[in-house]
Every structure is written in structure tokens, then in C-alpha cells.
Amino acid sequence: MSASATPNLFGRCQGCGEMRPTALISFHRNVGMLVVRRTYNLDAELCKSCIHKRFWEFTGKNLLLGPWGIISLIVTPIYLLQNTGSYLAALYKLRDAPP
């Protein structure tokens, strides 16, 4: 299932555990280490406030730790664009939900 799925009406947020309107979100983070790299993924049903929190967490770490390697120089910008697209799509789906 992709991040473009319809939001649940008052599901349990997998971030904070509260019963709120949620949307399926998928974020990716890259950590470049010159020769090797490590990838982290988050696929979860999150509420609007948890989506904001996780997006900025993944974006900050991508910018700070992402581009330290040859492959990472290519992968990190792709992850940043993917995460931004997922973030905006989820916020659009939850546009009528309370903050």
C-alpha cells in the first residue's frame, strides 16, 4: 500500500498512540559513511502532528548525515524529494483533520 491511500477516520496513530485521523506515510533516511551507507525506513499510519515531527526529523538527518559517500550523493536528494512528496500528499489527505 502506498502513501496515497485514503486516511483512516480516527485510527490509532502509530507514533503517539492516540485515536486521531491518520494517513499512511512512508519516509526514508540515508546515512552515508564514505564507503558504506545505511538506509532507514518508516512506513506507518500517523496523525498530522506526528507526520510533521517525523518529516522534519528525517529531513534534518538526511541533510546532515546523508551525503557522505559517492552513492549517498545520489540517493539522499532522491529521498528528500520522495519524503517531501509523501509529506505533502499526507497533509493534503488530512487537511480537514484537527492539528
N, C-alpha and C. Protein backbone atom coordinates (compact mmCIF):
# COMPACT_ATOMS: atom_id res chain seq x y z
N MET A 1 0.84 -1.18 0.00
CA MET A 1 0.00 0.00 0.00
C MET A 1 0.88 1.24 0.00
N SER A 2 0.51 2.26 -0.71
CA SER A 2 1.34 3.46 -0.83
C SER A 2 0.85 4.56 0.09
N ALA A 3 1.61 5.64 0.13
CA ALA A 3 1.26 6.78 0.96
C ALA A 3 0.05 7.52 0.40
N SER A 4 -0.43 7.13 -0.78
CA SER A 4 -1.57 7.80 -1.37
C SER A 4 -2.89 7.16 -0.97
N ALA A 5 -2.88 6.23 -0.02
CA ALA A 5 -4.11 5.61 0.45
C ALA A 5 -4.96 6.63 1.20
N THR A 6 -6.26 6.39 1.24
CA THR A 6 -7.14 7.34 1.91
C THR A 6 -6.91 7.30 3.42
N PRO A 7 -7.13 8.44 4.10
CA PRO A 7 -6.89 8.48 5.54
C PRO A 7 -7.95 7.69 6.30
N ASN A 8 -7.55 7.12 7.41
CA ASN A 8 -8.49 6.43 8.29
C ASN A 8 -9.27 7.46 9.07
N LEU A 9 -10.50 7.18 9.35
CA LEU A 9 -11.28 8.03 10.22
C LEU A 9 -11.04 7.57 11.64
N PHE A 10 -10.29 8.32 12.36
CA PHE A 10 -9.97 8.05 13.75
C PHE A 10 -9.40 6.66 13.97
N GLY A 11 -8.21 6.46 13.46
CA GLY A 11 -7.45 5.26 13.74
C GLY A 11 -6.43 5.56 14.83
N ARG A 12 -5.75 4.54 15.29
CA ARG A 12 -4.72 4.75 16.31
C ARG A 12 -3.42 5.14 15.62
N CYS A 13 -2.90 6.30 15.97
CA CYS A 13 -1.64 6.77 15.42
C CYS A 13 -0.52 5.88 15.93
N GLN A 14 0.34 5.41 15.03
CA GLN A 14 1.44 4.54 15.43
C GLN A 14 2.62 5.33 15.99
N GLY A 15 2.52 6.66 15.96
CA GLY A 15 3.57 7.49 16.53
C GLY A 15 3.30 7.82 17.99
N CYS A 16 2.11 8.37 18.25
CA CYS A 16 1.79 8.82 19.61
C CYS A 16 0.79 7.90 20.31
N GLY A 17 0.13 7.02 19.57
CA GLY A 17 -0.81 6.07 20.17
C GLY A 17 -2.20 6.63 20.40
N GLU A 18 -2.46 7.88 20.02
CA GLU A 18 -3.78 8.48 20.23
C GLU A 18 -4.73 8.11 19.09
N MET A 19 -6.03 8.14 19.40
CA MET A 19 -7.07 7.92 18.39
C MET A 19 -7.31 9.24 17.67
N ARG A 20 -6.83 9.32 16.43
CA ARG A 20 -6.93 10.54 15.63
C ARG A 20 -7.05 10.16 14.16
N PRO A 21 -7.44 11.08 13.30
CA PRO A 21 -7.39 10.81 11.86
C PRO A 21 -5.93 10.56 11.45
N THR A 22 -5.69 9.49 10.72
CA THR A 22 -4.33 9.13 10.33
C THR A 22 -4.23 8.93 8.82
N ALA A 23 -3.02 8.97 8.33
CA ALA A 23 -2.73 8.67 6.93
C ALA A 23 -1.48 7.80 6.89
N LEU A 24 -1.44 6.91 5.91
CA LEU A 24 -0.26 6.06 5.73
C LEU A 24 0.86 6.90 5.15
N ILE A 25 2.01 6.85 5.77
CA ILE A 25 3.16 7.65 5.35
C ILE A 25 4.37 6.75 5.20
N SER A 26 5.25 7.12 4.27
CA SER A 26 6.48 6.37 4.05
C SER A 26 7.63 7.37 3.92
N PHE A 27 8.55 7.36 4.89
CA PHE A 27 9.72 8.22 4.87
C PHE A 27 10.98 7.37 4.81
N HIS A 28 12.02 7.90 4.16
CA HIS A 28 13.30 7.21 4.01
C HIS A 28 14.42 8.14 4.45
N ARG A 29 15.44 7.56 5.05
CA ARG A 29 16.60 8.33 5.51
C ARG A 29 17.86 7.58 5.13
N ASN A 30 18.86 8.31 4.69
CA ASN A 30 20.14 7.73 4.29
C ASN A 30 21.24 8.27 5.20
N VAL A 31 22.14 7.38 5.61
CA VAL A 31 23.33 7.80 6.37
C VAL A 31 24.53 7.33 5.56
N GLY A 32 25.26 8.30 4.98
CA GLY A 32 26.45 7.97 4.20
C GLY A 32 27.67 7.90 5.10
N MET A 33 28.51 6.90 4.87
CA MET A 33 29.72 6.72 5.68
C MET A 33 30.93 6.50 4.78
N LEU A 34 31.14 7.39 3.81
CA LEU A 34 32.22 7.37 2.83
C LEU A 34 32.23 6.12 1.96
N VAL A 35 32.41 4.94 2.54
CA VAL A 35 32.49 3.72 1.75
C VAL A 35 31.17 2.95 1.78
N VAL A 36 30.51 2.91 2.89
CA VAL A 36 29.23 2.21 3.02
C VAL A 36 28.13 3.22 3.34
N ARG A 37 26.90 2.75 3.28
CA ARG A 37 25.78 3.60 3.66
C ARG A 37 24.72 2.77 4.35
N ARG A 38 23.85 3.45 5.08
CA ARG A 38 22.79 2.77 5.80
C ARG A 38 21.48 3.49 5.51
N THR A 39 20.42 2.73 5.30
CA THR A 39 19.11 3.28 4.99
C THR A 39 18.12 2.93 6.09
N TYR A 40 17.31 3.90 6.48
CA TYR A 40 16.25 3.70 7.47
C TYR A 40 14.92 4.04 6.81
N ASN A 41 13.88 3.27 7.11
CA ASN A 41 12.56 3.48 6.53
C ASN A 41 11.53 3.59 7.64
N LEU A 42 10.50 4.38 7.39
CA LEU A 42 9.36 4.48 8.28
C LEU A 42 8.11 4.35 7.43
N ASP A 43 7.35 3.30 7.64
CA ASP A 43 6.06 3.08 7.00
C ASP A 43 5.04 2.92 8.11
N ALA A 44 4.18 3.93 8.30
CA ALA A 44 3.26 3.89 9.44
C ALA A 44 2.03 4.73 9.18
N GLU A 45 0.99 4.45 9.95
CA GLU A 45 -0.22 5.27 10.00
C GLU A 45 0.01 6.33 11.07
N LEU A 46 0.14 7.59 10.66
CA LEU A 46 0.46 8.66 11.60
C LEU A 46 -0.59 9.76 11.54
N CYS A 47 -0.75 10.47 12.67
CA CYS A 47 -1.61 11.64 12.72
C CYS A 47 -0.83 12.84 12.17
N LYS A 48 -1.52 13.96 12.01
CA LYS A 48 -0.92 15.14 11.40
C LYS A 48 0.31 15.63 12.18
N SER A 49 0.21 15.70 13.51
CA SER A 49 1.35 16.21 14.29
C SER A 49 2.54 15.26 14.24
N CYS A 50 2.29 13.96 14.23
CA CYS A 50 3.40 13.00 14.13
C CYS A 50 4.03 13.01 12.74
N ILE A 51 3.22 13.27 11.71
CA ILE A 51 3.75 13.39 10.35
C ILE A 51 4.71 14.56 10.28
N HIS A 52 4.32 15.72 10.85
CA HIS A 52 5.21 16.88 10.88
C HIS A 52 6.53 16.54 11.59
N LYS A 53 6.40 15.95 12.77
CA LYS A 53 7.58 15.62 13.59
C LYS A 53 8.53 14.69 12.85
N ARG A 54 7.99 13.61 12.30
CA ARG A 54 8.84 12.63 11.61
C ARG A 54 9.43 13.18 10.32
N PHE A 55 8.67 13.99 9.59
CA PHE A 55 9.20 14.58 8.35
C PHE A 55 10.43 15.42 8.65
N TRP A 56 10.33 16.32 9.62
CA TRP A 56 11.46 17.20 9.93
C TRP A 56 12.62 16.43 10.54
N GLU A 57 12.33 15.37 11.28
CA GLU A 57 13.41 14.51 11.81
C GLU A 57 14.17 13.84 10.67
N PHE A 58 13.44 13.22 9.73
CA PHE A 58 14.07 12.54 8.61
C PHE A 58 14.78 13.53 7.68
N THR A 59 14.18 14.70 7.45
CA THR A 59 14.79 15.70 6.57
C THR A 59 16.10 16.22 7.17
N GLY A 60 16.08 16.55 8.45
CA GLY A 60 17.27 17.06 9.12
C GLY A 60 18.42 16.06 9.10
N LYS A 61 18.10 14.82 9.40
CA LYS A 61 19.15 13.79 9.41
C LYS A 61 19.64 13.48 8.00
N ASN A 62 18.74 13.55 7.00
CA ASN A 62 19.18 13.37 5.61
C ASN A 62 20.16 14.46 5.21
N LEU A 63 19.84 15.70 5.57
CA LEU A 63 20.72 16.82 5.19
C LEU A 63 22.05 16.78 5.92
N LEU A 64 22.03 16.38 7.18
CA LEU A 64 23.24 16.38 8.00
C LEU A 64 24.11 15.14 7.75
N LEU A 65 23.49 13.97 7.71
CA LEU A 65 24.25 12.70 7.65
C LEU A 65 24.19 12.01 6.30
N GLY A 66 23.34 12.48 5.39
CA GLY A 66 23.08 11.77 4.15
C GLY A 66 24.17 11.76 3.11
N PRO A 67 24.71 12.91 2.71
CA PRO A 67 25.53 12.93 1.51
C PRO A 67 27.02 12.60 1.70
N TRP A 68 27.38 11.76 2.64
CA TRP A 68 28.78 11.46 2.92
C TRP A 68 29.23 10.17 2.24
N GLY A 69 29.18 10.14 0.95
CA GLY A 69 29.62 8.99 0.17
C GLY A 69 29.22 9.18 -1.28
N ILE A 70 29.80 8.42 -2.17
CA ILE A 70 29.54 8.59 -3.59
C ILE A 70 28.10 8.22 -3.94
N ILE A 71 27.66 7.04 -3.53
CA ILE A 71 26.28 6.63 -3.79
C ILE A 71 25.31 7.51 -3.01
N SER A 72 25.68 7.87 -1.81
CA SER A 72 24.83 8.70 -0.96
C SER A 72 24.58 10.08 -1.55
N LEU A 73 25.53 10.60 -2.33
CA LEU A 73 25.34 11.88 -3.00
C LEU A 73 24.17 11.83 -3.99
N ILE A 74 23.91 10.66 -4.53
CA ILE A 74 22.81 10.47 -5.47
C ILE A 74 21.52 10.11 -4.74
N VAL A 75 21.61 9.21 -3.75
CA VAL A 75 20.43 8.69 -3.07
C VAL A 75 19.77 9.72 -2.16
N THR A 76 20.55 10.52 -1.45
CA THR A 76 19.99 11.46 -0.48
C THR A 76 19.03 12.47 -1.11
N PRO A 77 19.38 13.13 -2.23
CA PRO A 77 18.40 14.05 -2.84
C PRO A 77 17.12 13.34 -3.30
N ILE A 78 17.24 12.11 -3.76
CA ILE A 78 16.06 11.35 -4.17
C ILE A 78 15.16 11.11 -2.96
N TYR A 79 15.75 10.71 -1.83
CA TYR A 79 14.98 10.51 -0.60
C TYR A 79 14.33 11.81 -0.14
N LEU A 80 15.04 12.92 -0.25
CA LEU A 80 14.47 14.21 0.15
C LEU A 80 13.24 14.55 -0.70
N LEU A 81 13.32 14.32 -2.00
CA LEU A 81 12.16 14.57 -2.87
C LEU A 81 11.02 13.61 -2.58
N GLN A 82 11.33 12.33 -2.39
CA GLN A 82 10.30 11.34 -2.07
C GLN A 82 9.60 11.69 -0.76
N ASN A 83 10.37 12.02 0.25
CA ASN A 83 9.80 12.35 1.56
C ASN A 83 8.92 13.59 1.48
N THR A 84 9.36 14.59 0.71
CA THR A 84 8.56 15.80 0.56
C THR A 84 7.24 15.50 -0.14
N GLY A 85 7.28 14.66 -1.16
CA GLY A 85 6.05 14.26 -1.86
C GLY A 85 5.11 13.50 -0.95
N SER A 86 5.63 12.57 -0.17
CA SER A 86 4.80 11.81 0.78
C SER A 86 4.21 12.72 1.84
N TYR A 87 5.02 13.65 2.32
CA TYR A 87 4.60 14.61 3.35
C TYR A 87 3.45 15.47 2.85
N LEU A 88 3.62 16.04 1.67
CA LEU A 88 2.58 16.91 1.12
C LEU A 88 1.30 16.14 0.80
N ALA A 89 1.43 14.91 0.28
CA ALA A 89 0.25 14.09 -0.01
C ALA A 89 -0.51 13.74 1.26
N ALA A 90 0.21 13.39 2.32
CA ALA A 90 -0.44 13.04 3.59
C ALA A 90 -1.12 14.26 4.21
N LEU A 91 -0.47 15.41 4.15
CA LEU A 91 -1.08 16.63 4.70
C LEU A 91 -2.32 17.02 3.89
N TYR A 92 -2.30 16.80 2.60
CA TYR A 92 -3.47 17.08 1.79
C TYR A 92 -4.63 16.18 2.19
N LYS A 93 -4.37 14.91 2.43
CA LYS A 93 -5.41 13.97 2.84
C LYS A 93 -5.97 14.32 4.21
N LEU A 94 -5.13 14.88 5.08
CA LEU A 94 -5.56 15.21 6.43
C LEU A 94 -5.86 16.71 6.58
N ARG A 95 -6.11 17.39 5.48
CA ARG A 95 -6.30 18.85 5.51
C ARG A 95 -7.47 19.28 6.39
N ASP A 96 -8.50 18.46 6.54
CA ASP A 96 -9.64 18.81 7.38
C ASP A 96 -9.53 18.28 8.80
N ALA A 97 -8.47 17.54 9.08
CA ALA A 97 -8.28 16.97 10.42
C ALA A 97 -7.75 18.04 11.37
N PRO A 98 -8.12 17.95 12.64
CA PRO A 98 -7.58 18.91 13.61
C PRO A 98 -6.08 18.70 13.81
N PRO A 99 -5.35 19.75 14.18
CA PRO A 99 -3.90 19.62 14.34
C PRO A 99 -3.52 18.79 15.49
